[in-house]
Every structure is written in C-alpha cells, then in structure tokens.
Protein backbone atom coordinates (compact mmCIF):
# COMPACT_ATOMS: atom_id res chain seq x y z
CA MET A 1 -0.96 -2.57 17.14
CA ASN A 2 -3.85 -0.81 15.55
CA THR A 3 -1.99 2.27 13.97
CA GLN A 4 -5.41 3.71 12.76
CA THR A 5 -3.38 4.82 9.44
CA LEU A 6 -0.13 4.96 8.08
CA SER A 7 -1.09 6.23 4.83
CA PHE A 8 0.27 9.64 5.42
CA THR A 9 3.73 10.93 4.62
CA GLY A 10 6.26 10.24 7.33
CA ALA A 11 3.89 7.88 9.27
CA ALA A 12 6.18 4.69 8.87
CA THR A 13 9.25 6.72 9.63
CA LEU A 14 7.62 7.75 13.00
CA LEU A 15 6.54 4.30 13.61
CA ASP A 16 10.05 2.85 12.75
CA GLN A 17 11.40 5.24 15.43
CA GLU A 18 9.13 4.28 18.07
CA LEU A 19 9.80 0.56 17.42
CA HIS A 20 13.44 1.23 17.65
CA ARG A 21 12.98 3.21 20.91
CA TRP A 22 11.17 0.41 22.54
CA ASN A 23 13.30 -2.25 21.03
CA ILE A 24 10.15 -4.10 19.38
CA GLN A 25 11.84 -6.30 17.01
CA VAL A 26 8.55 -7.71 15.40
CA ALA A 27 5.07 -6.20 15.44
CA GLY A 28 1.58 -6.73 13.83
CA LEU A 29 -0.05 -3.97 12.49
CA GLN A 30 -3.64 -3.37 11.79
CA GLU A 31 -5.41 -0.71 9.75
CA VAL A 32 -2.43 0.55 7.95
CA ARG A 33 -4.41 1.42 5.05
CA TRP A 34 -1.90 0.67 2.44
CA LEU A 35 -2.82 -0.57 -1.05
CA ASP A 36 -1.91 -3.79 -2.57
CA SER A 37 0.85 -5.98 -1.18
CA ARG A 38 4.51 -5.52 -0.85
CA GLU A 39 7.78 -5.28 1.06
CA VAL A 40 9.89 -2.00 1.82
CA SER A 41 12.55 -1.24 4.19
CA ILE A 42 12.34 2.19 6.17
CA GLY A 43 15.18 2.99 8.51
CA ASP A 44 16.08 -0.18 10.81
CA THR A 45 12.43 -1.58 9.94
CA ALA A 46 11.26 -4.03 7.06
CA PHE A 47 7.39 -3.52 6.42
CA ILE A 48 5.53 -6.34 4.65
CA TRP A 49 1.78 -5.69 4.19
CA SER A 50 -1.40 -7.04 2.68
CA GLY A 51 -4.00 -4.30 1.68
CA ARG A 52 -6.80 -3.66 -0.72
CA ASN A 53 -6.54 -3.83 -4.39
CA ASP A 54 -9.37 -1.70 -5.20
CA GLY A 55 -7.91 1.90 -4.54
CA LYS A 56 -9.66 2.18 -1.20
CA HIS A 57 -7.42 3.26 1.70
CA GLN A 58 -9.32 0.97 4.38
CA GLU A 59 -8.29 -1.89 6.55
CA GLY A 60 -4.81 -3.38 5.61
CA VAL A 61 -2.63 -5.47 7.70
CA ALA A 62 1.43 -5.32 7.88
CA LEU A 63 4.09 -6.95 9.99
CA ALA A 64 7.05 -4.80 10.84
CA VAL A 65 10.11 -6.59 11.57
CA GLN A 66 13.80 -5.29 12.30
CA ARG A 67 15.82 -5.65 9.20
CA LYS A 68 18.63 -7.71 10.37
CA LEU A 69 15.84 -10.61 11.30
CA MET A 70 14.32 -10.57 7.80
CA SER A 71 17.15 -13.11 6.76
CA ALA A 72 15.25 -15.60 8.84
CA CYS A 73 11.88 -14.92 6.87
CA ILE A 74 11.37 -18.00 4.65
CA SER A 75 8.24 -16.65 3.03
CA TRP A 76 5.19 -14.47 3.67
CA THR A 77 1.86 -14.65 2.05
CA PRO A 78 -0.62 -11.76 1.70
CA ILE A 79 -4.11 -13.18 2.07
CA ASN A 80 -6.44 -10.10 1.95
CA GLU A 81 -6.71 -6.76 3.62
CA ARG A 82 -7.23 -8.40 7.01
CA LEU A 83 -5.06 -11.30 7.11
CA LEU A 84 -1.31 -11.81 6.38
CA ARG A 85 0.86 -14.98 7.05
CA ALA A 86 4.67 -15.11 7.28
CA ARG A 87 6.95 -17.95 8.19
CA PHE A 88 10.39 -17.59 9.96
CA ARG A 89 13.24 -19.92 10.88
CA HIS A 90 14.60 -20.19 14.38
CA ALA A 91 16.92 -21.85 16.35
CA THR A 92 14.75 -24.95 17.19
CA GLY A 93 12.25 -25.09 14.20
CA PHE A 94 9.87 -22.63 12.66
CA LEU A 95 7.71 -19.71 13.54
CA SER A 96 4.43 -18.92 11.80
CA LEU A 97 3.18 -15.42 12.29
CA ILE A 98 -0.51 -14.35 11.24
CA VAL A 99 -1.57 -10.89 11.35
CA ALA A 100 -5.16 -10.21 11.64
CA TYR A 101 -7.62 -7.54 11.91
CA ALA A 102 -11.17 -8.49 12.50
CA PRO A 103 -14.24 -6.54 11.71
CA THR A 104 -15.67 -4.39 14.21
CA GLU A 105 -18.88 -5.25 16.45
CA ASN A 106 -21.19 -3.55 13.93
CA ALA A 107 -19.97 -5.24 10.73
CA ASP A 108 -22.46 -7.74 9.15
CA THR A 109 -22.44 -11.30 10.60
CA SER A 110 -21.59 -12.77 7.29
CA VAL A 111 -18.28 -10.38 7.04
CA LYS A 112 -17.36 -11.63 10.38
CA GLU A 113 -18.05 -15.17 9.69
CA GLN A 114 -15.98 -15.07 6.59
CA PHE A 115 -13.00 -13.44 8.25
CA TYR A 116 -13.11 -16.35 10.98
CA ALA A 117 -13.26 -18.69 8.06
CA ASP A 118 -10.29 -17.22 6.26
CA LEU A 119 -8.28 -17.25 9.66
CA GLU A 120 -9.13 -20.81 10.09
CA VAL A 121 -7.58 -21.59 6.60
CA ALA A 122 -4.58 -19.59 7.43
CA ILE A 123 -3.91 -21.49 10.61
CA ALA A 124 -4.48 -24.85 8.69
CA GLN A 125 -1.76 -23.60 6.18
CA CYS A 126 0.92 -23.28 8.60
CA GLY A 127 3.50 -25.95 9.15
CA LYS A 128 2.16 -28.52 11.46
CA ASN A 129 4.91 -28.50 13.81
CA ASP A 130 5.40 -24.49 13.55
CA LEU A 131 4.91 -22.44 16.65
CA LYS A 132 2.13 -20.47 15.65
CA VAL A 133 1.27 -16.88 16.72
CA ILE A 134 -1.40 -14.52 15.83
CA LEU A 135 -0.64 -10.79 16.37
CA GLY A 136 -4.42 -9.35 15.99
CA ASP A 137 -6.66 -6.78 16.89
CA PHE A 138 -10.07 -8.66 17.30
CA ASN A 139 -12.38 -5.90 18.22
CA ALA A 140 -13.40 -8.18 21.04
CA VAL A 141 -13.83 -7.52 24.77
CA THR A 142 -12.49 -10.38 27.08
CA GLY A 143 -14.66 -9.57 30.09
CA SER A 144 -13.57 -10.12 33.52
CA SER A 145 -15.47 -13.47 34.45
CA ARG A 146 -14.11 -16.89 33.94
CA ILE A 147 -16.22 -19.92 33.62
CA GLN A 148 -14.65 -23.01 35.38
CA GLY A 149 -12.74 -25.24 33.05
CA ASP A 150 -12.04 -22.58 30.42
CA THR A 151 -8.67 -22.92 29.00
CA ALA A 152 -8.64 -20.21 26.27
CA LEU A 153 -8.70 -16.97 28.51
CA GLY A 154 -6.03 -16.02 30.94
CA PRO A 155 -6.78 -14.73 34.21
CA TRP A 156 -6.83 -11.01 33.31
CA GLY A 157 -9.45 -8.85 31.28
CA SER A 158 -12.14 -6.20 31.35
CA GLY A 159 -15.21 -4.90 30.16
CA THR A 160 -18.38 -6.69 29.05
CA PRO A 161 -17.91 -9.51 26.40
CA ASN A 162 -19.69 -8.92 22.93
CA VAL A 163 -20.54 -10.92 19.90
CA ASN A 164 -16.99 -10.70 18.61
CA THR A 165 -15.77 -12.23 21.88
CA ASP A 166 -17.92 -15.25 21.33
CA LEU A 167 -16.67 -15.65 17.81
CA LEU A 168 -13.01 -15.46 19.01
CA LEU A 169 -13.55 -17.97 21.87
CA SER A 170 -15.24 -20.16 19.22
CA LEU A 171 -11.88 -20.13 17.05
CA CYS A 172 -9.77 -20.87 20.21
CA THR A 173 -11.89 -23.70 21.39
CA GLY A 174 -12.42 -25.25 17.83
CA ALA A 175 -10.72 -28.52 16.55
CA SER A 176 -8.07 -26.79 14.56
CA SER A 177 -7.15 -24.57 17.34
CA GLN A 178 -6.13 -27.01 20.16
CA HIS A 179 -3.95 -25.57 22.96
CA CYS A 180 -5.09 -21.92 22.40
CA ARG A 181 -4.44 -19.26 24.72
CA ILE A 182 -5.61 -15.56 24.39
CA LEU A 183 -2.59 -13.55 26.21
CA VAL A 184 -3.56 -9.96 27.67
CA PRO A 185 -0.66 -8.45 29.52
CA GLU A 186 -1.25 -8.03 33.40
CA LYS A 187 -1.26 -4.46 34.49
CA GLY A 188 2.17 -3.45 35.20
CA TYR A 189 3.53 -6.42 33.43
CA SER A 190 4.66 -4.49 30.02
CA PRO A 191 5.86 -1.25 29.60
CA LEU A 192 3.51 -1.07 26.62
CA PRO A 193 -0.27 -0.01 26.79
CA LEU A 194 -2.68 -2.63 27.47
CA ASP A 195 -4.11 -2.56 24.06
CA PHE A 196 -0.94 -4.32 22.76
CA GLN A 197 -2.88 -7.59 23.27
CA ARG A 198 -1.62 -11.03 21.88
CA TRP A 199 -2.95 -14.33 21.04
CA ALA A 200 -0.82 -17.35 20.76
CA HIS A 201 -1.83 -20.52 18.97
CA SER A 202 0.31 -23.53 19.44
CA GLU A 203 -0.42 -27.01 18.20
CA GLY A 204 1.73 -29.83 19.30
CA ASP A 205 4.61 -27.86 20.76
C-alpha cells in the first residue's frame, strides 16, 4: 500500500482508523517517509518501519500490524529505506514478511539492480521452511498478455510491461525464488482498490 507519505501530523492516526474500518490485520506500507527505524503503537495498530538515516523524508517502508497480533512477532529487521523483514509464529510454523518498495521506472539501472540484489539477500535470510510473503510496490506493470508455460504471473493484469516488469519477473523465475506467484486481485474479487497488489513467495510449502 503506497501511502505517498505518513510524515504529516495525524497521518498515522487516520491510517489506523482506515485499517480498522476495513479489518486489515497486516499491511505493507511504502513511501511512509519516516526517518530511521523503530516501532510505535497508534490506536489499534503497531507500526514498525525502516527509513533513511540522513534526515531526508524520502522512501521508507513499514509494516502495520494489529496490536493484538504483535505477540506473534518473533523479530523484525530494518534493512534499508526500501526493505524491511519481519518473522511471525503461526499455528503451523513461521511466516516471513518482507515489505518492499522498488525504484521507479526512471531510476538509474544500477539503483534498480541493487534493490533486487538486496531483496534476493532478504529472501535468502528468511527461514528455509517459512511461508514467505512479499508486500511490495514494485513500480511495475504486469501487462495483459501471457507466455505459454509462464508460472509467475496470474491470469489478470493490465497495461504495457516496462523494464521494472522484467526485473520483477527475473526475480520470480530465479533459482532462489522457486514456486513464485505474482498475485493481482481479480476485478470484483476484493473490496480494496486494484493497486493493493501482492506477490507471494513460497519455497517448499
């Protein structure tokens, strides 16, 4: 969920209210623009985030979790202003969540490649048998066409693929990302807007 910014007074309180209204228990947030990394509770929501440490209110990712679920959070790791990883215990094992915010299409190629290299490392650092889910804004367009035999994209999509699309698909089909799926809600499938898109990564589950 790209918030565009949560750095103004009252923004997190408004978001807490909206998450409660939609009964969203866990949400990955991009462009929160908060500095440094920490955890804070506002209303019924616990926010953990990873931001810049140079004083610039840019980028920043966060995980919003219902406070009652935070007891299941074993650990969380701020990686940089574009990546955050958290691990939760659930009834049948462990869940690793990664919040990601990819550079835009206009960013330098080197910046994009570094982001995906860092994301690969974050995935590798998750527990081998964990259920792995990435909650991300990849600034990529899935497109509507499908190549026969493709296992990464679901049956829905729109627009014209861009360079970021190729980078995302390369990650999904890479050796460390077996059994990947990009999940895009079907029209009418979810009460949330279609920009609430998720990519689930599962290995050996």
